[in-house]
Amino acid sequence: MLTSKERAELRAQANTLETTLMVGKDGVTEAVAAEADRLLTARELVKGKVLETALMSAREVSDAICEATGADGVACVGAKFVIYRFSEKCQQERSATGRAKRKPTPVSKKDPVRKGVRARRQAEKKVREQRNAYFREQAIERAIERDREKQLRNKSED
């Protein structure tokens, strides 16, 4: 499963890719799945197109190919889709040529954005509770005052 940052990076890389996988009116057949598997092994990132004659949308085709090949869907825009699967072969080629190695995915489950949102919500909740407690106390005091005034009026009328 890809994170949103990984997916965004892969979408950016896919912009310059040529469309190499075509899906026609027969949909996702064994041949299409085999070709997608071969392309994923060779390139890791594959851009495909669903022709107008196909009875499936790009999202459906992408999901079917991902299920058949064990890949992850990166993007679906219009009739085009992008899929990704890590390839040991590509990793070995990158290592041999000295290109950047694959970064390990971060293990930390701490999300600073969620932490900030959580802190703001807790602060807002605390302020709300304080405000409600203040108004509750004021309402009780006013009710007690009204009762005292009623009692004084009733005593003065008697």
N, C-alpha and C. Protein backbone atom coordinates (compact mmCIF):
# COMPACT_ATOMS: atom_id res chain seq x y z
N MET A 1 0.85 -1.17 0.00
CA MET A 1 0.00 0.00 0.00
C MET A 1 0.89 1.24 0.00
N LEU A 2 0.60 2.16 -0.87
CA LEU A 2 1.41 3.37 -1.01
C LEU A 2 0.87 4.47 -0.11
N THR A 3 1.78 5.29 0.41
CA THR A 3 1.35 6.46 1.16
C THR A 3 1.01 7.57 0.16
N SER A 4 0.38 8.61 0.65
CA SER A 4 -0.02 9.70 -0.26
C SER A 4 1.21 10.41 -0.84
N LYS A 5 2.28 10.51 -0.05
CA LYS A 5 3.49 11.16 -0.57
C LYS A 5 4.14 10.31 -1.65
N GLU A 6 4.20 9.01 -1.44
CA GLU A 6 4.77 8.12 -2.46
C GLU A 6 3.93 8.17 -3.72
N ARG A 7 2.61 8.17 -3.55
CA ARG A 7 1.71 8.22 -4.70
C ARG A 7 1.90 9.53 -5.48
N ALA A 8 2.05 10.64 -4.76
CA ALA A 8 2.26 11.92 -5.43
C ALA A 8 3.58 11.93 -6.20
N GLU A 9 4.61 11.35 -5.62
CA GLU A 9 5.90 11.29 -6.30
C GLU A 9 5.81 10.42 -7.55
N LEU A 10 5.10 9.31 -7.46
CA LEU A 10 4.95 8.43 -8.62
C LEU A 10 4.11 9.08 -9.71
N ARG A 11 3.08 9.84 -9.31
CA ARG A 11 2.28 10.58 -10.30
C ARG A 11 3.15 11.57 -11.05
N ALA A 12 4.03 12.24 -10.33
CA ALA A 12 4.93 13.20 -10.96
C ALA A 12 5.87 12.50 -11.95
N GLN A 13 6.38 11.33 -11.58
CA GLN A 13 7.24 10.57 -12.48
C GLN A 13 6.48 10.08 -13.70
N ALA A 14 5.20 9.78 -13.53
CA ALA A 14 4.39 9.22 -14.62
C ALA A 14 4.04 10.27 -15.68
N ASN A 15 4.15 11.54 -15.35
CA ASN A 15 3.80 12.59 -16.32
C ASN A 15 4.62 12.48 -17.60
N THR A 16 5.88 12.11 -17.47
CA THR A 16 6.74 12.06 -18.65
C THR A 16 6.73 10.70 -19.33
N LEU A 17 6.07 9.72 -18.75
CA LEU A 17 6.04 8.37 -19.33
C LEU A 17 5.17 8.30 -20.58
N GLU A 18 5.57 7.44 -21.48
CA GLU A 18 4.75 7.15 -22.65
C GLU A 18 3.73 6.06 -22.26
N THR A 19 2.59 6.06 -22.92
CA THR A 19 1.59 5.04 -22.68
C THR A 19 2.07 3.74 -23.31
N THR A 20 2.26 2.70 -22.49
CA THR A 20 2.82 1.45 -23.00
C THR A 20 1.83 0.29 -22.95
N LEU A 21 0.73 0.45 -22.25
CA LEU A 21 -0.23 -0.63 -22.11
C LEU A 21 -1.59 -0.16 -22.62
N MET A 22 -2.13 -0.89 -23.58
CA MET A 22 -3.44 -0.54 -24.16
C MET A 22 -4.45 -1.64 -23.83
N VAL A 23 -5.63 -1.21 -23.41
CA VAL A 23 -6.71 -2.16 -23.12
C VAL A 23 -7.84 -1.88 -24.10
N GLY A 24 -8.21 -2.90 -24.87
CA GLY A 24 -9.23 -2.74 -25.90
C GLY A 24 -10.59 -3.22 -25.47
N LYS A 25 -11.41 -3.59 -26.46
CA LYS A 25 -12.81 -3.94 -26.19
C LYS A 25 -12.97 -5.24 -25.42
N ASP A 26 -11.95 -6.11 -25.44
CA ASP A 26 -12.04 -7.37 -24.69
C ASP A 26 -11.83 -7.16 -23.20
N GLY A 27 -11.35 -6.01 -22.79
CA GLY A 27 -11.14 -5.73 -21.37
C GLY A 27 -9.82 -6.32 -20.89
N VAL A 28 -9.79 -6.71 -19.64
CA VAL A 28 -8.56 -7.24 -19.04
C VAL A 28 -8.54 -8.75 -19.26
N THR A 29 -7.79 -9.17 -20.26
CA THR A 29 -7.65 -10.59 -20.55
C THR A 29 -6.36 -11.11 -19.95
N GLU A 30 -6.12 -12.40 -20.10
CA GLU A 30 -4.88 -13.01 -19.61
C GLU A 30 -3.67 -12.37 -20.29
N ALA A 31 -3.80 -12.09 -21.56
CA ALA A 31 -2.69 -11.49 -22.31
C ALA A 31 -2.37 -10.10 -21.78
N VAL A 32 -3.40 -9.31 -21.50
CA VAL A 32 -3.19 -7.97 -20.98
C VAL A 32 -2.55 -8.03 -19.59
N ALA A 33 -3.02 -8.95 -18.75
CA ALA A 33 -2.45 -9.11 -17.41
C ALA A 33 -0.99 -9.56 -17.50
N ALA A 34 -0.69 -10.48 -18.42
CA ALA A 34 0.69 -10.95 -18.58
C ALA A 34 1.59 -9.82 -19.08
N GLU A 35 1.10 -9.03 -20.02
CA GLU A 35 1.88 -7.90 -20.53
C GLU A 35 2.12 -6.87 -19.42
N ALA A 36 1.09 -6.61 -18.62
CA ALA A 36 1.24 -5.67 -17.51
C ALA A 36 2.27 -6.19 -16.50
N ASP A 37 2.24 -7.48 -16.23
CA ASP A 37 3.21 -8.10 -15.31
C ASP A 37 4.62 -7.94 -15.85
N ARG A 38 4.79 -8.19 -17.15
CA ARG A 38 6.11 -8.08 -17.77
C ARG A 38 6.60 -6.63 -17.70
N LEU A 39 5.72 -5.67 -18.01
CA LEU A 39 6.10 -4.26 -17.98
C LEU A 39 6.44 -3.80 -16.55
N LEU A 40 5.66 -4.27 -15.57
CA LEU A 40 5.93 -3.90 -14.19
C LEU A 40 7.27 -4.44 -13.71
N THR A 41 7.62 -5.64 -14.15
CA THR A 41 8.91 -6.22 -13.77
C THR A 41 10.04 -5.43 -14.40
N ALA A 42 9.84 -4.98 -15.62
CA ALA A 42 10.89 -4.26 -16.33
C ALA A 42 11.00 -2.80 -15.92
N ARG A 43 9.89 -2.15 -15.59
CA ARG A 43 9.91 -0.70 -15.38
C ARG A 43 9.42 -0.21 -14.03
N GLU A 44 8.68 -1.00 -13.29
CA GLU A 44 8.05 -0.63 -12.02
C GLU A 44 6.83 0.27 -12.19
N LEU A 45 6.92 1.27 -13.04
CA LEU A 45 5.84 2.24 -13.21
C LEU A 45 5.33 2.15 -14.64
N VAL A 46 4.03 1.89 -14.80
CA VAL A 46 3.46 1.68 -16.14
C VAL A 46 2.25 2.58 -16.31
N LYS A 47 2.20 3.24 -17.48
CA LYS A 47 1.05 4.05 -17.83
C LYS A 47 0.26 3.31 -18.90
N GLY A 48 -1.04 3.23 -18.69
CA GLY A 48 -1.89 2.53 -19.64
C GLY A 48 -3.06 3.38 -20.09
N LYS A 49 -3.70 2.91 -21.16
CA LYS A 49 -4.84 3.64 -21.70
C LYS A 49 -5.95 2.65 -22.02
N VAL A 50 -7.17 3.05 -21.72
CA VAL A 50 -8.34 2.25 -22.05
C VAL A 50 -8.95 2.86 -23.30
N LEU A 51 -9.07 2.06 -24.36
CA LEU A 51 -9.61 2.56 -25.61
C LEU A 51 -11.11 2.81 -25.49
N GLU A 52 -11.64 3.63 -26.37
CA GLU A 52 -13.06 4.00 -26.33
C GLU A 52 -13.98 2.80 -26.53
N THR A 53 -13.50 1.80 -27.25
CA THR A 53 -14.34 0.63 -27.54
C THR A 53 -14.49 -0.29 -26.34
N ALA A 54 -13.66 -0.12 -25.33
CA ALA A 54 -13.72 -0.98 -24.13
C ALA A 54 -15.00 -0.67 -23.35
N LEU A 55 -15.52 -1.69 -22.72
CA LEU A 55 -16.75 -1.54 -21.95
C LEU A 55 -16.47 -1.25 -20.48
N MET A 56 -15.20 -0.99 -20.15
CA MET A 56 -14.80 -0.75 -18.76
C MET A 56 -14.21 0.65 -18.64
N SER A 57 -14.30 1.21 -17.44
CA SER A 57 -13.66 2.51 -17.19
C SER A 57 -12.19 2.29 -16.83
N ALA A 58 -11.44 3.36 -16.81
CA ALA A 58 -10.02 3.26 -16.47
C ALA A 58 -9.83 2.77 -15.04
N ARG A 59 -10.70 3.19 -14.13
CA ARG A 59 -10.62 2.76 -12.73
C ARG A 59 -10.85 1.25 -12.62
N GLU A 60 -11.85 0.74 -13.32
CA GLU A 60 -12.13 -0.70 -13.29
C GLU A 60 -10.98 -1.51 -13.86
N VAL A 61 -10.41 -1.04 -14.96
CA VAL A 61 -9.28 -1.72 -15.59
C VAL A 61 -8.08 -1.70 -14.65
N SER A 62 -7.80 -0.54 -14.06
CA SER A 62 -6.68 -0.41 -13.14
C SER A 62 -6.84 -1.36 -11.95
N ASP A 63 -8.03 -1.41 -11.38
CA ASP A 63 -8.27 -2.30 -10.24
C ASP A 63 -8.10 -3.77 -10.63
N ALA A 64 -8.59 -4.13 -11.81
CA ALA A 64 -8.48 -5.52 -12.27
C ALA A 64 -7.02 -5.91 -12.50
N ILE A 65 -6.26 -5.03 -13.12
CA ILE A 65 -4.84 -5.33 -13.38
C ILE A 65 -4.06 -5.38 -12.07
N CYS A 66 -4.36 -4.45 -11.17
CA CYS A 66 -3.68 -4.45 -9.87
C CYS A 66 -3.95 -5.73 -9.11
N GLU A 67 -5.17 -6.20 -9.17
CA GLU A 67 -5.53 -7.45 -8.50
C GLU A 67 -4.81 -8.64 -9.13
N ALA A 68 -4.70 -8.65 -10.45
CA ALA A 68 -4.07 -9.76 -11.16
C ALA A 68 -2.56 -9.78 -10.99
N THR A 69 -1.93 -8.60 -10.86
CA THR A 69 -0.47 -8.54 -10.82
C THR A 69 0.11 -8.22 -9.46
N GLY A 70 -0.72 -7.83 -8.51
CA GLY A 70 -0.22 -7.47 -7.19
C GLY A 70 0.37 -6.07 -7.16
N ALA A 71 -0.04 -5.22 -8.08
CA ALA A 71 0.48 -3.85 -8.17
C ALA A 71 -0.42 -2.91 -7.37
N ASP A 72 0.00 -1.66 -7.28
CA ASP A 72 -0.80 -0.61 -6.63
C ASP A 72 -1.22 0.40 -7.67
N GLY A 73 -2.46 0.83 -7.62
CA GLY A 73 -2.93 1.87 -8.51
C GLY A 73 -2.41 3.22 -8.04
N VAL A 74 -1.88 4.01 -8.95
CA VAL A 74 -1.34 5.32 -8.60
C VAL A 74 -2.32 6.41 -8.98
N ALA A 75 -2.82 6.38 -10.21
CA ALA A 75 -3.71 7.45 -10.66
C ALA A 75 -4.59 6.96 -11.80
N CYS A 76 -5.78 7.55 -11.91
CA CYS A 76 -6.68 7.33 -13.04
C CYS A 76 -7.22 8.70 -13.44
N VAL A 77 -6.90 9.09 -14.66
CA VAL A 77 -7.39 10.37 -15.17
C VAL A 77 -7.94 10.13 -16.56
N GLY A 78 -9.23 10.38 -16.71
CA GLY A 78 -9.86 10.17 -18.01
C GLY A 78 -9.78 8.70 -18.40
N ALA A 79 -9.18 8.42 -19.56
CA ALA A 79 -9.05 7.05 -20.04
C ALA A 79 -7.67 6.47 -19.72
N LYS A 80 -6.83 7.22 -19.02
CA LYS A 80 -5.48 6.75 -18.71
C LYS A 80 -5.36 6.37 -17.24
N PHE A 81 -4.47 5.44 -16.97
CA PHE A 81 -4.23 5.01 -15.61
C PHE A 81 -2.74 4.72 -15.43
N VAL A 82 -2.29 4.76 -14.18
CA VAL A 82 -0.89 4.50 -13.85
C VAL A 82 -0.86 3.48 -12.72
N ILE A 83 -0.03 2.44 -12.87
CA ILE A 83 0.12 1.42 -11.83
C ILE A 83 1.59 1.27 -11.48
N TYR A 84 1.85 0.80 -10.25
CA TYR A 84 3.22 0.67 -9.75
C TYR A 84 3.38 -0.63 -8.98
N ARG A 85 4.52 -1.28 -9.16
CA ARG A 85 4.90 -2.43 -8.35
C ARG A 85 6.42 -2.43 -8.22
N PHE A 86 6.92 -2.58 -7.01
CA PHE A 86 8.37 -2.60 -6.78
C PHE A 86 8.96 -3.80 -7.51
N SER A 87 10.12 -3.58 -8.14
CA SER A 87 10.78 -4.63 -8.91
C SER A 87 12.22 -4.78 -8.43
N GLU A 88 12.59 -6.00 -8.05
CA GLU A 88 13.96 -6.29 -7.63
C GLU A 88 14.93 -6.06 -8.78
N LYS A 89 14.49 -6.38 -9.99
CA LYS A 89 15.34 -6.21 -11.16
C LYS A 89 15.74 -4.74 -11.33
N CYS A 90 14.77 -3.84 -11.22
CA CYS A 90 15.05 -2.41 -11.34
C CYS A 90 15.94 -1.93 -10.19
N GLN A 91 15.71 -2.48 -9.00
CA GLN A 91 16.53 -2.09 -7.84
C GLN A 91 17.99 -2.50 -8.07
N GLN A 92 18.21 -3.69 -8.62
CA GLN A 92 19.57 -4.14 -8.89
C GLN A 92 20.23 -3.24 -9.95
N GLU A 93 19.48 -2.85 -10.96
CA GLU A 93 20.03 -1.96 -11.99
C GLU A 93 20.39 -0.60 -11.40
N ARG A 94 19.55 -0.08 -10.53
CA ARG A 94 19.85 1.20 -9.88
C ARG A 94 21.09 1.09 -9.01
N SER A 95 21.22 -0.02 -8.30
CA SER A 95 22.38 -0.22 -7.45
C SER A 95 23.65 -0.33 -8.28
N ALA A 96 23.57 -1.01 -9.41
CA ALA A 96 24.74 -1.22 -10.27
C ALA A 96 25.19 0.09 -10.91
N THR A 97 24.25 0.94 -11.27
CA THR A 97 24.61 2.19 -11.93
C THR A 97 24.90 3.30 -10.93
N GLY A 98 24.64 3.04 -9.65
CA GLY A 98 24.93 4.04 -8.63
C GLY A 98 23.85 5.08 -8.46
N ARG A 99 22.70 4.85 -9.05
CA ARG A 99 21.59 5.78 -8.88
C ARG A 99 21.02 5.66 -7.47
N ALA A 100 20.17 6.55 -7.13
CA ALA A 100 19.60 6.59 -5.77
C ALA A 100 18.92 5.27 -5.44
N LYS A 101 19.17 4.82 -4.22
CA LYS A 101 18.57 3.58 -3.76
C LYS A 101 17.18 3.86 -3.21
N ARG A 102 16.40 2.82 -3.15
CA ARG A 102 15.04 2.97 -2.65
C ARG A 102 15.07 3.29 -1.17
N LYS A 103 14.35 4.32 -0.80
CA LYS A 103 14.32 4.73 0.59
C LYS A 103 13.39 3.79 1.36
N PRO A 104 13.80 3.40 2.57
CA PRO A 104 12.90 2.57 3.36
C PRO A 104 11.70 3.41 3.81
N THR A 105 10.56 2.77 3.89
CA THR A 105 9.38 3.49 4.31
C THR A 105 9.49 3.80 5.79
N PRO A 106 9.09 4.98 6.22
CA PRO A 106 9.20 5.34 7.63
C PRO A 106 8.31 4.45 8.49
N VAL A 107 8.84 4.06 9.63
CA VAL A 107 8.12 3.16 10.53
C VAL A 107 7.31 3.94 11.54
N SER A 108 7.67 5.18 11.76
CA SER A 108 7.01 5.99 12.77
C SER A 108 5.52 6.14 12.47
N LYS A 109 4.73 5.95 13.50
CA LYS A 109 3.29 6.09 13.34
C LYS A 109 2.82 7.46 13.83
N LYS A 110 3.76 8.29 14.27
CA LYS A 110 3.40 9.61 14.75
C LYS A 110 3.19 10.53 13.55
N ASP A 111 2.06 11.16 13.52
CA ASP A 111 1.73 12.08 12.44
C ASP A 111 1.62 13.48 13.02
N PRO A 112 2.57 14.37 12.70
CA PRO A 112 2.55 15.70 13.30
C PRO A 112 1.31 16.51 12.95
N VAL A 113 0.75 16.27 11.78
CA VAL A 113 -0.45 17.01 11.39
C VAL A 113 -1.62 16.59 12.27
N ARG A 114 -1.79 15.29 12.43
CA ARG A 114 -2.88 14.81 13.29
C ARG A 114 -2.66 15.24 14.73
N LYS A 115 -1.41 15.23 15.16
CA LYS A 115 -1.11 15.64 16.53
C LYS A 115 -1.54 17.09 16.75
N GLY A 116 -1.25 17.97 15.79
CA GLY A 116 -1.64 19.37 15.90
C GLY A 116 -3.14 19.54 15.88
N VAL A 117 -3.81 18.80 15.01
CA VAL A 117 -5.27 18.88 14.92
C VAL A 117 -5.88 18.41 16.23
N ARG A 118 -5.35 17.31 16.76
CA ARG A 118 -5.85 16.76 18.02
C ARG A 118 -5.66 17.76 19.15
N ALA A 119 -4.50 18.41 19.20
CA ALA A 119 -4.23 19.39 20.26
C ALA A 119 -5.18 20.58 20.16
N ARG A 120 -5.42 21.06 18.92
CA ARG A 120 -6.35 22.18 18.74
C ARG A 120 -7.77 21.80 19.16
N ARG A 121 -8.18 20.61 18.81
CA ARG A 121 -9.53 20.16 19.18
C ARG A 121 -9.67 20.06 20.69
N GLN A 122 -8.64 19.54 21.36
CA GLN A 122 -8.70 19.42 22.81
C GLN A 122 -8.74 20.80 23.46
N ALA A 123 -7.96 21.75 22.93
CA ALA A 123 -7.97 23.10 23.48
C ALA A 123 -9.34 23.75 23.28
N GLU A 124 -9.93 23.57 22.10
CA GLU A 124 -11.26 24.13 21.84
C GLU A 124 -12.30 23.51 22.75
N LYS A 125 -12.18 22.22 22.99
CA LYS A 125 -13.13 21.52 23.87
C LYS A 125 -13.02 22.06 25.29
N LYS A 126 -11.79 22.29 25.75
CA LYS A 126 -11.57 22.81 27.09
C LYS A 126 -12.18 24.20 27.23
N VAL A 127 -11.98 25.06 26.22
CA VAL A 127 -12.55 26.41 26.25
C VAL A 127 -14.08 26.34 26.27
N ARG A 128 -14.65 25.45 25.45
CA ARG A 128 -16.11 25.28 25.42
C ARG A 128 -16.65 24.85 26.78
N GLU A 129 -15.97 23.89 27.40
CA GLU A 129 -16.41 23.39 28.71
C GLU A 129 -16.33 24.49 29.76
N GLN A 130 -15.25 25.30 29.72
CA GLN A 130 -15.13 26.40 30.68
C GLN A 130 -16.25 27.42 30.47
N ARG A 131 -16.52 27.74 29.21
CA ARG A 131 -17.58 28.70 28.90
C ARG A 131 -18.93 28.18 29.37
N ASN A 132 -19.21 26.90 29.09
CA ASN A 132 -20.48 26.31 29.51
C ASN A 132 -20.61 26.29 31.03
N ALA A 133 -19.51 25.97 31.72
CA ALA A 133 -19.55 25.94 33.19
C ALA A 133 -19.83 27.34 33.73
N TYR A 134 -19.21 28.36 33.15
CA TYR A 134 -19.43 29.74 33.59
C TYR A 134 -20.90 30.13 33.41
N PHE A 135 -21.45 29.88 32.23
CA PHE A 135 -22.85 30.25 31.99
C PHE A 135 -23.81 29.43 32.85
N ARG A 136 -23.47 28.19 33.12
CA ARG A 136 -24.29 27.35 33.99
C ARG A 136 -24.32 27.95 35.40
N GLU A 137 -23.14 28.36 35.92
CA GLU A 137 -23.06 28.97 37.24
C GLU A 137 -23.85 30.28 37.28
N GLN A 138 -23.72 31.10 36.24
CA GLN A 138 -24.44 32.37 36.17
C GLN A 138 -25.95 32.13 36.17
N ALA A 139 -26.39 31.12 35.42
CA ALA A 139 -27.82 30.82 35.36
C ALA A 139 -28.33 30.38 36.73
N ILE A 140 -27.55 29.58 37.43
CA ILE A 140 -27.96 29.12 38.77
C ILE A 140 -28.03 30.29 39.73
N GLU A 141 -27.02 31.17 39.70
CA GLU A 141 -27.02 32.34 40.58
C GLU A 141 -28.22 33.24 40.31
N ARG A 142 -28.55 33.46 39.04
CA ARG A 142 -29.70 34.31 38.70
C ARG A 142 -31.01 33.67 39.15
N ALA A 143 -31.10 32.35 39.01
CA ALA A 143 -32.31 31.66 39.46
C ALA A 143 -32.47 31.79 40.97
N ILE A 144 -31.36 31.66 41.69
CA ILE A 144 -31.41 31.81 43.15
C ILE A 144 -31.82 33.24 43.51
N GLU A 145 -31.27 34.23 42.81
CA GLU A 145 -31.64 35.63 43.07
C GLU A 145 -33.12 35.87 42.81
N ARG A 146 -33.64 35.34 41.73
CA ARG A 146 -35.07 35.51 41.42
C ARG A 146 -35.94 34.88 42.50
N ASP A 147 -35.53 33.70 42.97
CA ASP A 147 -36.30 33.06 44.03
C ASP A 147 -36.29 33.92 45.30
N ARG A 148 -35.14 34.48 45.65
CA ARG A 148 -35.05 35.35 46.83
C ARG A 148 -35.94 36.57 46.66
N GLU A 149 -35.90 37.19 45.47
CA GLU A 149 -36.73 38.36 45.22
C GLU A 149 -38.21 38.01 45.32
N LYS A 150 -38.62 36.84 44.80
CA LYS A 150 -40.01 36.41 44.90
C LYS A 150 -40.40 36.24 46.36
N GLN A 151 -39.51 35.61 47.12
CA GLN A 151 -39.81 35.39 48.54
C GLN A 151 -39.94 36.73 49.26
N LEU A 152 -39.05 37.70 48.95
CA LEU A 152 -39.14 39.02 49.58
C LEU A 152 -40.43 39.73 49.20
N ARG A 153 -40.84 39.64 47.94
CA ARG A 153 -42.09 40.25 47.49
C ARG A 153 -43.30 39.60 48.19
N ASN A 154 -43.24 38.27 48.26
CA ASN A 154 -44.35 37.56 48.90
C ASN A 154 -44.45 37.94 50.38
N LYS A 155 -43.31 38.11 51.06
CA LYS A 155 -43.32 38.49 52.48
C LYS A 155 -43.82 39.94 52.65
N SER A 156 -43.40 40.80 51.73
CA SER A 156 -43.83 42.20 51.84
C SER A 156 -45.32 42.37 51.51
N GLU A 157 -45.87 41.52 50.67
CA GLU A 157 -47.29 41.59 50.32
C GLU A 157 -48.14 41.05 51.45
N ASP A 158 -47.64 40.13 52.24
CA ASP A 158 -48.41 39.53 53.33
C ASP A 158 -48.52 40.45 54.46
